[in-house]
Amino acid sequence: MTAAPPSGAPPRTGSPSRTVAWLPSPPTHVPAPEAAPLPPVRRLPLTVAAALGAALTAYVWAVHGAKPGILLLLGTALGVALFHSRFGFTSAWRQLVAVGNGTGMRAHALLLGTTATLFALVLGTGTGLFGTTPVPSTAPIGIGLLAGAFLFAVGMQIGGACASGTLFAVGSGQSTIVLTLGGFIAGSTLAAWQFGLWRDLPALDPVLFSDGLGRPGSLAVTLALLALVVLVSRRVQARRNPPPVGPPPSARGALARAVRGSWPLAAGALALAVLGAAVLLVSGGAWGVTSAFALWGSKLAGVLGASPETWAYWQQPDNAPQLAGPVLADKTSLTDIGIMVGAAIAAAAGGTWSLHRGIPWRRAVGAVAGGVLMGIGARIAGGCNIGAYLAGIASGSLHGWLWGAAALLGTFAGLRLRPLFELRNPAPRDGVC
């Protein structure tokens, strides 16, 4: 991942397979290397993951009904799309801040813009399945939002993944990220237990663009701001002439690539947008990730003798039914579990599923610490890179933009801390970033 570039290599555009191609890509200082061919299908992990997914879906459908069963299937499809496209939030911010490569941020803009357009259609028409009424994702504007997003971004840089990235990395067998997930659950549970410390932080009421501009005006403002993000990222990349993004192993041929990967980032963004809109249609709420971690940890705490039902967090009207109900009927838990199963299927089909061993102790500490920071940050901010950043911006809520700005600042801090945990940052003269 850090091979030195050939001497005197001319500026070139990154690999077409990883380029978000609605505009010509800005230059990189060396060409992106060719993607390596995928290894053979891992048949045993593929069989186990597919059988587990089928059994879980059948059980959920039979016991809890069609709506939870469909949410589990949508989560599985999200896991396939996330893994096959290697769609990253953590890496995109790291590449932009460290070396100025904005490829990932332009993919974010495509995901956000497409999701916002689909959300506008669903929310504007009030269309919902299973008797649901879709509602936008919004949150108060205050210290908790900014501080939580900052902590989350620091955590994802030292923990190695964001919320959705943690799930699909765990599904693909990455042992280090299992530690991140454990820390994530612990941090989320700690924040729920200590809800009284942060629930009354100063904040203003939520701001929805549609309240003043209507749904079409809200969408227009969102798309205009995303276009500005694209232009700024291109200008930064053109000035800094960074290394290209390294392509993951890829299947040869369109059909094989669709089934085994890797997908172009643009394809991943579009697939995630459609699936995220489907979650809104089915459940009435936007796709989220981290509230399930607080639920899992609190359920475990209850098994170990604690009384989470007495915690102020779980006595909130919106949270109490989540704790009282079964995990496999909880919307966010279902999509989270589905993401891990879908990523396992995708990784095994691509021949890359494996369990990593021999984790250096500093990386292990960083994984756990990063997970704890993300868990605390997500709860304080009211969401993560999915539930606040993606869902908020797509809903036309100001808090999504402020979450992203605070997370970008947290990325600067996180990059400074990464070397303490034996984690390397991209450098300007690397062969890939």
Protein backbone atom coordinates (compact mmCIF):
# COMPACT_ATOMS: atom_id res chain seq x y z
CA MET A 1 0.00 0.00 0.00
CA THR A 2 2.97 2.36 0.26
CA ALA A 3 5.23 1.43 -2.62
CA ALA A 4 7.45 4.26 -3.81
CA PRO A 5 6.35 5.85 -7.10
CA PRO A 6 8.49 5.45 -10.22
CA SER A 7 10.95 8.27 -10.61
CA GLY A 8 9.72 10.98 -12.91
CA ALA A 9 6.28 9.45 -13.37
CA PRO A 10 3.86 11.93 -14.99
CA PRO A 11 0.67 13.00 -13.29
CA ARG A 12 -2.11 10.59 -14.09
CA THR A 13 -5.71 9.95 -13.21
CA GLY A 14 -6.53 7.23 -10.67
CA SER A 15 -7.76 3.79 -11.59
CA PRO A 16 -11.01 3.94 -13.59
CA SER A 17 -12.44 1.13 -11.46
CA ARG A 18 -12.26 3.28 -8.36
CA THR A 19 -13.13 6.66 -9.92
CA VAL A 20 -16.45 8.38 -9.32
CA ALA A 21 -16.86 9.14 -12.99
CA TRP A 22 -19.56 11.79 -13.35
CA LEU A 23 -16.63 14.18 -13.81
CA PRO A 24 -13.11 13.47 -15.09
CA SER A 25 -10.92 12.65 -12.12
CA PRO A 26 -8.32 15.18 -10.98
CA PRO A 27 -4.71 14.08 -11.42
CA THR A 28 -2.66 11.89 -9.12
CA HIS A 29 1.12 11.91 -9.20
CA VAL A 30 1.40 8.31 -10.40
CA PRO A 31 -1.05 6.00 -12.15
CA ALA A 32 -3.07 3.68 -9.94
CA PRO A 33 -1.78 0.11 -10.14
CA GLU A 34 -3.84 -2.57 -11.81
CA ALA A 35 -6.20 -4.40 -9.47
CA ALA A 36 -4.96 -7.86 -8.54
CA PRO A 37 -7.18 -10.79 -9.55
CA LEU A 38 -9.43 -12.20 -6.88
CA PRO A 39 -8.49 -15.53 -5.30
CA PRO A 40 -10.87 -18.49 -5.66
CA VAL A 41 -14.23 -18.53 -3.90
CA ARG A 42 -14.02 -19.53 -0.24
CA ARG A 43 -16.69 -22.23 -0.45
CA LEU A 44 -16.96 -23.20 3.22
CA PRO A 45 -17.32 -19.62 4.59
CA LEU A 46 -19.73 -18.84 1.74
CA THR A 47 -21.89 -21.86 2.56
CA VAL A 48 -21.90 -21.09 6.29
CA ALA A 49 -22.69 -17.38 5.79
CA ALA A 50 -25.45 -18.05 3.26
CA ALA A 51 -27.00 -20.77 5.44
CA LEU A 52 -26.85 -18.50 8.49
CA GLY A 53 -28.48 -15.66 6.58
CA ALA A 54 -31.24 -17.90 5.25
CA ALA A 55 -31.93 -19.43 8.67
CA LEU A 56 -32.02 -16.05 10.41
CA THR A 57 -34.33 -14.60 7.78
CA ALA A 58 -36.69 -17.57 7.99
CA TYR A 59 -36.77 -17.36 11.78
CA VAL A 60 -37.34 -13.60 11.91
CA TRP A 61 -40.01 -13.76 9.23
CA ALA A 62 -41.84 -16.61 10.98
CA VAL A 63 -41.62 -15.21 14.51
CA HIS A 64 -41.76 -11.44 14.00
CA GLY A 65 -43.34 -11.01 10.58
CA ALA A 66 -42.58 -9.77 7.09
CA LYS A 67 -41.42 -6.26 8.00
CA PRO A 68 -38.51 -7.39 10.24
CA GLY A 69 -37.67 -10.12 7.73
CA ILE A 70 -37.41 -7.59 4.91
CA LEU A 71 -35.25 -5.30 7.07
CA LEU A 72 -32.85 -8.20 7.68
CA LEU A 73 -32.69 -8.83 3.92
CA LEU A 74 -32.07 -5.13 3.26
CA GLY A 75 -29.24 -5.21 5.81
CA THR A 76 -27.75 -8.21 4.04
CA ALA A 77 -27.86 -6.35 0.73
CA LEU A 78 -26.24 -3.33 2.40
CA GLY A 79 -23.41 -5.58 3.61
CA VAL A 80 -22.86 -6.96 0.10
CA ALA A 81 -22.79 -3.44 -1.39
CA LEU A 82 -20.50 -2.05 1.31
CA PHE A 83 -17.97 -4.85 0.95
CA HIS A 84 -17.97 -5.19 -2.83
CA SER A 85 -17.49 -1.44 -3.29
CA ARG A 86 -15.23 -1.12 -0.21
CA PHE A 87 -17.26 2.02 0.43
CA GLY A 88 -15.40 3.88 3.14
CA PHE A 89 -16.10 6.89 5.32
CA THR A 90 -13.02 6.61 7.56
CA SER A 91 -10.62 6.14 4.64
CA ALA A 92 -12.23 8.90 2.57
CA TRP A 93 -11.72 11.51 5.28
CA ARG A 94 -8.21 10.20 5.99
CA GLN A 95 -7.18 10.34 2.32
CA LEU A 96 -8.54 13.86 1.91
CA VAL A 97 -6.91 15.26 5.06
CA ALA A 98 -3.59 13.41 4.84
CA VAL A 99 -2.77 13.75 1.13
CA GLY A 100 -5.61 15.63 -0.55
CA ASN A 101 -7.16 12.75 -2.48
CA GLY A 102 -10.88 13.57 -2.67
CA THR A 103 -12.05 10.46 -4.52
CA GLY A 104 -13.84 9.11 -1.46
CA MET A 105 -15.45 12.46 -0.66
CA ARG A 106 -16.84 12.70 -4.18
CA ALA A 107 -18.30 9.23 -3.67
CA HIS A 108 -19.89 10.54 -0.47
CA ALA A 109 -21.41 13.40 -2.47
CA LEU A 110 -22.94 10.96 -4.96
CA LEU A 111 -24.32 8.81 -2.14
CA LEU A 112 -25.69 11.82 -0.26
CA GLY A 113 -27.19 13.47 -3.33
CA THR A 114 -28.89 10.31 -4.57
CA THR A 115 -30.17 9.46 -1.11
CA ALA A 116 -31.45 13.03 -0.63
CA THR A 117 -33.33 12.82 -3.92
CA LEU A 118 -34.94 9.50 -3.00
CA PHE A 119 -35.72 10.73 0.52
CA ALA A 120 -37.39 13.82 -0.94
CA LEU A 121 -39.69 11.58 -3.01
CA VAL A 122 -40.54 9.32 -0.07
CA LEU A 123 -40.95 12.08 2.51
CA GLY A 124 -42.70 14.44 0.13
CA THR A 125 -45.33 11.88 -0.83
CA GLY A 126 -45.59 10.34 2.64
CA THR A 127 -45.14 6.89 1.12
CA GLY A 128 -44.56 4.10 3.62
CA LEU A 129 -44.99 0.34 3.67
CA PHE A 130 -46.51 -1.79 6.45
CA GLY A 131 -48.55 1.17 7.67
CA THR A 132 -45.52 3.33 8.42
CA THR A 133 -45.30 7.08 7.89
CA PRO A 134 -41.79 8.17 6.86
CA VAL A 135 -40.16 10.86 8.98
CA PRO A 136 -36.95 12.82 8.37
CA SER A 137 -33.87 12.31 10.49
CA THR A 138 -33.06 15.40 12.52
CA ALA A 139 -31.46 16.36 15.82
CA PRO A 140 -30.82 19.42 18.03
CA ILE A 141 -27.93 21.74 17.15
CA GLY A 142 -25.64 21.98 20.13
CA ILE A 143 -22.50 21.10 22.02
CA GLY A 144 -23.39 17.42 22.18
CA LEU A 145 -23.67 17.17 18.41
CA LEU A 146 -20.31 18.84 17.76
CA ALA A 147 -18.39 17.18 20.60
CA GLY A 148 -19.84 13.76 19.81
CA ALA A 149 -19.03 13.98 16.12
CA PHE A 150 -15.47 15.12 16.93
CA LEU A 151 -14.95 12.18 19.34
CA PHE A 152 -16.46 9.79 16.82
CA ALA A 153 -14.03 10.91 14.11
CA VAL A 154 -11.02 10.56 16.40
CA GLY A 155 -12.24 7.09 17.33
CA MET A 156 -12.78 5.92 13.78
CA GLN A 157 -9.26 6.91 12.76
CA ILE A 158 -7.58 5.00 15.60
CA GLY A 159 -10.17 2.21 15.63
CA GLY A 160 -9.77 1.58 11.91
CA ALA A 161 -13.40 1.86 10.77
CA CYS A 162 -16.61 3.86 11.07
CA ALA A 163 -19.97 2.44 12.15
CA SER A 164 -20.92 0.75 8.88
CA GLY A 165 -17.27 -0.08 8.17
CA THR A 166 -16.95 -1.85 11.52
CA LEU A 167 -19.86 -4.12 10.66
CA PHE A 168 -18.75 -5.08 7.18
CA ALA A 169 -15.14 -5.54 8.31
CA VAL A 170 -16.26 -7.88 11.11
CA GLY A 171 -18.35 -9.82 8.60
CA SER A 172 -15.35 -10.22 6.33
CA GLY A 173 -13.30 -11.76 9.13
CA GLN A 174 -11.04 -8.88 10.21
CA SER A 175 -10.13 -9.77 13.77
CA THR A 176 -8.83 -6.32 14.72
CA ILE A 177 -12.21 -4.80 13.94
CA VAL A 178 -13.90 -7.32 16.23
CA LEU A 179 -12.04 -5.51 19.01
CA THR A 180 -13.32 -2.20 17.61
CA LEU A 181 -16.87 -3.55 17.68
CA GLY A 182 -16.43 -4.65 21.29
CA GLY A 183 -15.21 -1.20 22.26
CA PHE A 184 -18.05 0.36 20.26
CA ILE A 185 -20.64 -1.63 22.22
CA ALA A 186 -18.92 -0.82 25.51
CA GLY A 187 -18.76 2.91 24.75
CA SER A 188 -22.38 3.02 23.62
CA THR A 189 -23.49 1.22 26.78
CA LEU A 190 -21.41 3.51 28.98
CA ALA A 191 -22.98 6.57 27.35
CA ALA A 192 -26.47 5.13 27.86
CA TRP A 193 -25.71 4.39 31.53
CA GLN A 194 -24.36 7.91 32.09
CA PHE A 195 -27.11 9.62 30.10
CA GLY A 196 -27.56 12.23 32.83
CA LEU A 197 -24.07 13.62 32.23
CA TRP A 198 -24.82 14.75 28.68
CA ARG A 199 -28.56 14.91 28.04
CA ASP A 200 -28.88 18.56 29.13
CA LEU A 201 -25.95 20.00 27.14
CA PRO A 202 -26.89 23.36 25.58
CA ALA A 203 -28.62 22.97 22.21
CA LEU A 204 -30.92 24.75 19.80
CA ASP A 205 -33.96 23.19 18.18
CA PRO A 206 -33.48 21.05 15.05
CA VAL A 207 -33.34 22.89 11.73
CA LEU A 208 -34.92 21.34 8.63
CA PHE A 209 -34.40 23.21 5.35
CA SER A 210 -37.84 22.07 4.20
CA ASP A 211 -39.53 24.04 7.00
CA GLY A 212 -38.62 27.30 5.29
CA LEU A 213 -38.00 26.26 1.71
CA GLY A 214 -40.37 23.35 1.14
CA ARG A 215 -39.24 19.94 -0.02
CA PRO A 216 -38.04 21.04 -3.51
CA GLY A 217 -36.12 23.99 -2.05
CA SER A 218 -34.53 21.78 0.60
CA LEU A 219 -33.36 19.33 -2.04
CA ALA A 220 -32.00 22.14 -4.19
CA VAL A 221 -29.96 23.55 -1.29
CA THR A 222 -28.63 20.08 -0.41
CA LEU A 223 -27.59 19.33 -4.00
CA ALA A 224 -25.97 22.75 -4.37
CA LEU A 225 -23.92 22.23 -1.19
CA LEU A 226 -22.87 18.77 -2.37
CA ALA A 227 -21.82 20.21 -5.72
CA LEU A 228 -19.64 22.65 -3.77
CA VAL A 229 -18.09 19.72 -1.88
CA VAL A 230 -17.25 18.07 -5.21
CA LEU A 231 -15.68 21.25 -6.61
CA VAL A 232 -13.64 21.92 -3.48
CA SER A 233 -12.38 18.32 -3.31
CA ARG A 234 -11.33 18.51 -6.96
CA ARG A 235 -9.53 21.80 -6.39
CA VAL A 236 -7.71 20.40 -3.35
CA GLN A 237 -6.70 17.28 -5.25
CA ALA A 238 -5.52 19.26 -8.28
CA ARG A 239 -3.30 21.44 -6.07
CA ARG A 240 -1.82 18.64 -3.97
CA ASN A 241 -1.44 16.03 -6.74
CA PRO A 242 -1.76 13.10 -4.30
CA PRO A 243 -1.18 9.37 -4.71
CA PRO A 244 -4.10 7.43 -6.19
CA VAL A 245 -6.44 5.25 -4.19
CA GLY A 246 -5.22 1.65 -4.26
CA PRO A 247 -7.67 -0.68 -6.00
CA PRO A 248 -8.77 -3.85 -4.15
CA PRO A 249 -8.57 -7.24 -5.88
CA SER A 250 -11.18 -7.51 -8.62
CA ALA A 251 -12.90 -10.14 -10.73
CA ARG A 252 -12.49 -10.02 -14.50
CA GLY A 253 -15.59 -9.42 -16.61
CA ALA A 254 -18.75 -7.46 -15.86
CA LEU A 255 -20.87 -10.38 -14.65
CA ALA A 256 -18.14 -11.88 -12.48
CA ARG A 257 -17.39 -8.45 -11.05
CA ALA A 258 -21.04 -7.88 -10.19
CA VAL A 259 -21.18 -11.15 -8.27
CA ARG A 260 -17.68 -11.29 -6.78
CA GLY A 261 -16.48 -7.64 -6.77
CA SER A 262 -14.96 -5.18 -6.64
CA TRP A 263 -17.57 -2.61 -7.66
CA PRO A 264 -16.76 0.97 -8.69
CA LEU A 265 -17.32 3.44 -5.89
CA ALA A 266 -20.09 5.08 -7.89
CA ALA A 267 -21.94 1.77 -8.18
CA GLY A 268 -21.60 1.25 -4.45
CA ALA A 269 -22.91 4.75 -3.73
CA LEU A 270 -25.97 4.24 -5.92
CA ALA A 271 -26.71 0.81 -4.45
CA LEU A 272 -26.42 2.12 -0.89
CA ALA A 273 -28.70 5.06 -1.70
CA VAL A 274 -31.42 2.81 -3.09
CA LEU A 275 -31.15 0.40 -0.16
CA GLY A 276 -31.16 3.25 2.36
CA ALA A 277 -34.33 4.63 0.79
CA ALA A 278 -35.86 1.15 0.97
CA VAL A 279 -35.14 1.08 4.74
CA LEU A 280 -37.01 4.38 5.05
CA LEU A 281 -39.94 3.00 3.06
CA VAL A 282 -40.18 -0.21 5.07
CA SER A 283 -39.53 1.11 8.58
CA GLY A 284 -40.56 4.76 8.40
CA GLY A 285 -37.11 5.87 9.63
CA ALA A 286 -33.70 6.36 8.05
CA TRP A 287 -30.97 3.72 8.11
CA GLY A 288 -28.96 3.84 11.35
CA VAL A 289 -26.31 1.72 13.04
CA THR A 290 -25.19 2.67 16.52
CA SER A 291 -28.36 2.66 18.61
CA ALA A 292 -28.25 -1.13 18.33
CA PHE A 293 -24.86 -1.21 20.03
CA ALA A 294 -26.28 0.52 23.11
CA LEU A 295 -29.14 -1.99 23.06
CA TRP A 296 -26.85 -5.05 22.79
CA GLY A 297 -24.59 -3.82 25.57
CA SER A 298 -27.50 -2.93 27.83
CA LYS A 299 -29.14 -6.31 27.24
CA LEU A 300 -25.84 -7.98 28.19
CA ALA A 301 -25.57 -5.76 31.28
CA GLY A 302 -29.03 -6.94 32.29
CA VAL A 303 -27.99 -10.58 31.92
CA LEU A 304 -24.97 -9.86 34.14
CA GLY A 305 -27.15 -8.43 36.90
CA ALA A 306 -27.49 -4.72 36.09
CA SER A 307 -30.86 -3.01 35.72
CA PRO A 308 -30.69 -1.02 32.47
CA GLU A 309 -34.44 -0.47 32.53
CA THR A 310 -33.81 1.95 35.42
CA TRP A 311 -31.32 4.02 33.43
CA ALA A 312 -32.66 7.40 32.34
CA TYR A 313 -31.62 6.70 28.75
CA TRP A 314 -33.91 3.67 28.50
CA GLN A 315 -36.75 5.50 30.22
CA GLN A 316 -36.97 7.97 27.34
CA PRO A 317 -40.24 7.39 25.41
CA ASP A 318 -38.45 6.67 22.13
CA ASN A 319 -35.97 4.25 23.73
CA ALA A 320 -38.00 2.25 26.22
CA PRO A 321 -39.75 0.04 23.62
CA GLN A 322 -36.39 -0.84 22.10
CA LEU A 323 -35.04 -2.22 25.38
CA ALA A 324 -38.29 -3.98 26.22
CA GLY A 325 -38.54 -5.75 22.86
CA PRO A 326 -36.50 -8.64 21.41
CA VAL A 327 -33.26 -7.83 19.58
CA LEU A 328 -34.42 -9.64 16.44
CA ALA A 329 -37.44 -7.36 16.19
CA ASP A 330 -35.37 -4.17 16.50
CA LYS A 331 -34.98 -2.34 13.19
CA THR A 332 -31.38 -1.22 13.68
CA SER A 333 -30.24 -4.56 15.10
CA LEU A 334 -31.72 -6.35 12.09
CA THR A 335 -29.94 -4.18 9.53
CA ASP A 336 -26.68 -4.36 11.53
CA ILE A 337 -26.80 -8.16 11.71
CA GLY A 338 -27.71 -8.27 8.03
CA ILE A 339 -24.68 -6.13 7.13
CA MET A 340 -22.32 -8.57 8.86
CA VAL A 341 -23.94 -11.56 7.15
CA GLY A 342 -23.97 -9.84 3.76
CA ALA A 343 -20.32 -8.82 4.07
CA ALA A 344 -19.38 -12.40 4.99
CA ILE A 345 -21.18 -13.68 1.89
CA ALA A 346 -19.53 -11.05 -0.32
CA ALA A 347 -16.05 -11.61 1.12
CA ALA A 348 -16.33 -15.37 0.75
CA ALA A 349 -17.64 -15.06 -2.81
CA GLY A 350 -14.69 -12.78 -3.55
CA GLY A 351 -12.25 -15.25 -2.01
CA THR A 352 -10.98 -12.73 0.53
CA TRP A 353 -12.73 -13.88 3.72
CA SER A 354 -10.15 -14.74 6.35
CA LEU A 355 -9.51 -14.51 10.07
CA HIS A 356 -6.50 -12.35 10.86
CA ARG A 357 -4.21 -13.44 13.67
CA GLY A 358 -1.31 -11.97 15.59
CA ILE A 359 -2.66 -8.47 16.23
CA PRO A 360 0.08 -6.17 17.61
CA TRP A 361 -0.83 -5.03 21.10
CA ARG A 362 -0.75 -1.34 20.26
CA ARG A 363 -3.18 -1.86 17.39
CA ALA A 364 -5.39 -3.91 19.68
CA VAL A 365 -5.42 -1.08 22.23
CA GLY A 366 -6.18 1.42 19.48
CA ALA A 367 -9.02 -0.73 18.15
CA VAL A 368 -10.70 -0.94 21.55
CA ALA A 369 -10.07 2.73 22.42
CA GLY A 370 -11.33 3.86 19.03
CA GLY A 371 -14.47 1.79 19.43
CA VAL A 372 -15.16 3.24 22.88
CA LEU A 373 -14.75 6.80 21.58
CA MET A 374 -17.08 6.10 18.67
CA GLY A 375 -19.68 4.55 20.96
CA ILE A 376 -19.66 7.53 23.31
CA GLY A 377 -19.48 10.05 20.48
CA ALA A 378 -22.38 8.55 18.54
CA ARG A 379 -24.67 8.60 21.54
CA ILE A 380 -23.76 12.16 22.55
CA ALA A 381 -24.15 13.38 18.96
CA GLY A 382 -27.38 11.47 18.38
CA GLY A 383 -25.92 9.39 15.55
CA CYS A 384 -22.89 8.28 13.59
CA ASN A 385 -21.64 8.60 10.02
CA ILE A 386 -24.83 6.83 8.91
CA GLY A 387 -27.53 7.91 11.36
CA ALA A 388 -26.40 11.56 11.62
CA TYR A 389 -24.17 12.41 8.63
CA LEU A 390 -25.86 10.42 5.84
CA ALA A 391 -29.42 10.38 7.16
CA GLY A 392 -29.27 13.98 8.38
CA ILE A 393 -27.98 15.49 5.14
CA ALA A 394 -30.32 13.31 3.06
CA SER A 395 -33.25 14.53 5.18
CA GLY A 396 -32.32 18.18 4.64
CA SER A 397 -31.33 18.66 8.28
CA LEU A 398 -28.64 21.14 9.27
CA HIS A 399 -27.32 18.79 11.93
CA GLY A 400 -26.01 16.37 9.29
CA TRP A 401 -23.79 19.08 7.78
CA LEU A 402 -22.52 20.20 11.19
CA TRP A 403 -21.82 16.58 12.15
CA GLY A 404 -19.71 16.22 8.99
CA ALA A 405 -17.79 19.45 9.66
CA ALA A 406 -17.00 18.42 13.26
CA ALA A 407 -15.99 14.95 12.06
CA LEU A 408 -13.60 16.48 9.54
CA LEU A 409 -11.92 18.39 12.39
CA GLY A 410 -11.81 15.21 14.45
CA THR A 411 -10.09 13.47 11.56
CA PHE A 412 -7.16 15.91 11.84
CA ALA A 413 -6.80 14.99 15.52
CA GLY A 414 -7.22 11.29 14.84
CA LEU A 415 -4.44 11.28 12.25
CA ARG A 416 -2.07 12.75 14.83
CA LEU A 417 -2.87 9.87 17.20
CA ARG A 418 -2.66 7.00 14.73
CA PRO A 419 1.15 6.55 14.94
CA LEU A 420 0.83 5.90 18.70
CA PHE A 421 -1.02 2.70 17.78
CA GLU A 422 1.33 1.64 14.95
CA LEU A 423 -1.10 2.89 12.33
CA ARG A 424 0.43 4.61 9.33
CA ASN A 425 -1.06 7.64 7.58
CA PRO A 426 -0.87 8.11 3.81
CA ALA A 427 2.10 10.21 2.71
CA PRO A 428 2.29 12.52 -0.34
CA ARG A 429 4.89 10.44 -2.22
CA ASP A 430 3.33 7.03 -1.62
CA GLY A 431 2.42 4.90 -4.60
CA VAL A 432 -1.17 4.58 -3.36
CA CYS A 433 -3.12 5.99 -0.42
